[in-house]
Amino acid sequence: MKSLLIRKPRTGAEASDCQDDSRSQGAGSEQVKEYVLSRVKDKAIDCTYPFRGGGGCSIANADSTDQLNEQLSASPMALFYKYEIRALSD
């Protein structure tokens, strides 16, 4: 199933900690980039777009809600975001 994921920075998270675009500077940004590219390569994510100022959206693929939750919690930035998840139809 395909899902639209909308990431929003958690209240209290530093804006610099939540930057996940390619221009962000910080020790974790390269780790996040590698993680996202590996998820695109293994087809868990179709695409992802950052929002200016933090957050972003992605199209994710998972066989179940549990699998999607596992994918989200495995992200190196999982603790910095809250997610809105919307199931997509064909």
Protein backbone atom coordinates (compact mmCIF):
# COMPACT_ATOMS: atom_id res chain seq x y z
CA MET A 1 0.00 0.00 0.00
CA LYS A 2 1.14 3.52 -0.72
CA SER A 3 0.95 6.24 1.90
CA LEU A 4 1.54 9.96 1.94
CA LEU A 5 3.74 10.88 4.90
CA ILE A 6 3.81 14.48 6.02
CA ARG A 7 6.62 15.23 8.47
CA LYS A 8 6.34 18.15 10.87
CA PRO A 9 9.01 19.12 13.40
CA ARG A 10 8.05 18.22 16.95
CA THR A 11 7.45 21.08 19.35
CA GLY A 12 10.71 21.87 21.08
CA ALA A 13 12.90 20.30 18.38
CA GLU A 14 15.61 22.65 17.19
CA ALA A 15 15.10 23.80 13.58
CA SER A 16 18.71 22.88 12.78
CA ASP A 17 18.09 19.35 14.12
CA CYS A 18 15.09 18.90 11.81
CA GLN A 19 16.68 20.10 8.59
CA ASP A 20 16.87 17.16 6.21
CA ASP A 21 17.51 18.80 2.87
CA SER A 22 20.80 18.53 1.01
CA ARG A 23 21.85 22.07 1.99
CA SER A 24 21.66 21.49 5.72
CA GLN A 25 24.88 21.42 7.66
CA GLY A 26 25.33 19.13 10.62
CA ALA A 27 26.67 15.77 11.62
CA GLY A 28 23.35 13.98 11.12
CA SER A 29 22.44 15.36 7.70
CA GLU A 30 24.69 12.94 5.79
CA GLN A 31 23.30 10.00 7.79
CA VAL A 32 19.73 11.10 6.98
CA LYS A 33 20.57 11.48 3.29
CA GLU A 34 22.11 7.99 3.17
CA TYR A 35 19.11 6.51 4.98
CA VAL A 36 16.59 8.13 2.60
CA LEU A 37 18.57 7.08 -0.50
CA SER A 38 18.72 3.49 0.77
CA ARG A 39 14.93 3.51 1.29
CA VAL A 40 14.43 4.77 -2.30
CA LYS A 41 16.77 2.06 -3.58
CA ASP A 42 14.89 -0.73 -1.75
CA LYS A 43 11.54 0.74 -2.94
CA ALA A 44 10.28 1.53 0.58
CA ILE A 45 10.01 5.19 -0.51
CA ASP A 46 9.03 6.38 -4.00
CA CYS A 47 10.05 10.00 -3.43
CA THR A 48 10.64 12.53 -0.70
CA TYR A 49 10.59 16.33 -0.62
CA PRO A 50 11.76 18.64 2.18
CA PHE A 51 9.80 21.74 3.15
CA ARG A 52 11.65 25.01 3.62
CA GLY A 53 12.00 25.57 7.33
CA GLY A 54 11.82 21.88 8.26
CA GLY A 55 9.63 18.88 7.72
CA GLY A 56 8.60 17.45 4.38
CA CYS A 57 6.58 14.79 2.63
CA SER A 58 7.19 11.37 1.15
CA ILE A 59 5.37 8.62 -0.69
CA ALA A 60 6.07 5.40 1.20
CA ASN A 61 5.35 1.76 0.37
CA ALA A 62 4.57 -0.89 2.99
CA ASP A 63 2.63 -4.15 3.11
CA SER A 64 0.95 -3.22 6.39
CA THR A 65 0.53 -0.43 8.91
CA ASP A 66 2.91 -2.25 11.26
CA GLN A 67 5.60 -2.39 8.57
CA LEU A 68 5.16 1.34 7.87
CA ASN A 69 5.49 2.13 11.59
CA GLU A 70 8.68 0.03 11.74
CA GLN A 71 10.09 1.96 8.78
CA LEU A 72 9.28 5.30 10.40
CA SER A 73 10.79 4.37 13.76
CA ALA A 74 14.00 3.16 12.04
CA SER A 75 14.66 6.64 10.63
CA PRO A 76 17.58 8.47 12.26
CA MET A 77 15.32 11.53 12.63
CA ALA A 78 12.22 9.74 13.95
CA LEU A 79 12.33 11.43 17.36
CA PHE A 80 12.43 14.91 15.81
CA TYR A 81 9.21 14.60 13.76
CA LYS A 82 5.56 13.87 14.16
CA TYR A 83 3.89 12.27 11.14
CA GLU A 84 0.55 12.60 9.43
CA ILE A 85 -0.08 9.43 7.42
CA ARG A 86 -2.69 9.27 4.67
CA ALA A 87 -3.43 6.07 2.73
CA LEU A 88 -3.39 6.62 -1.03
CA SER A 89 -5.67 4.92 -3.53
CA ASP A 90 -4.89 3.97 -7.12
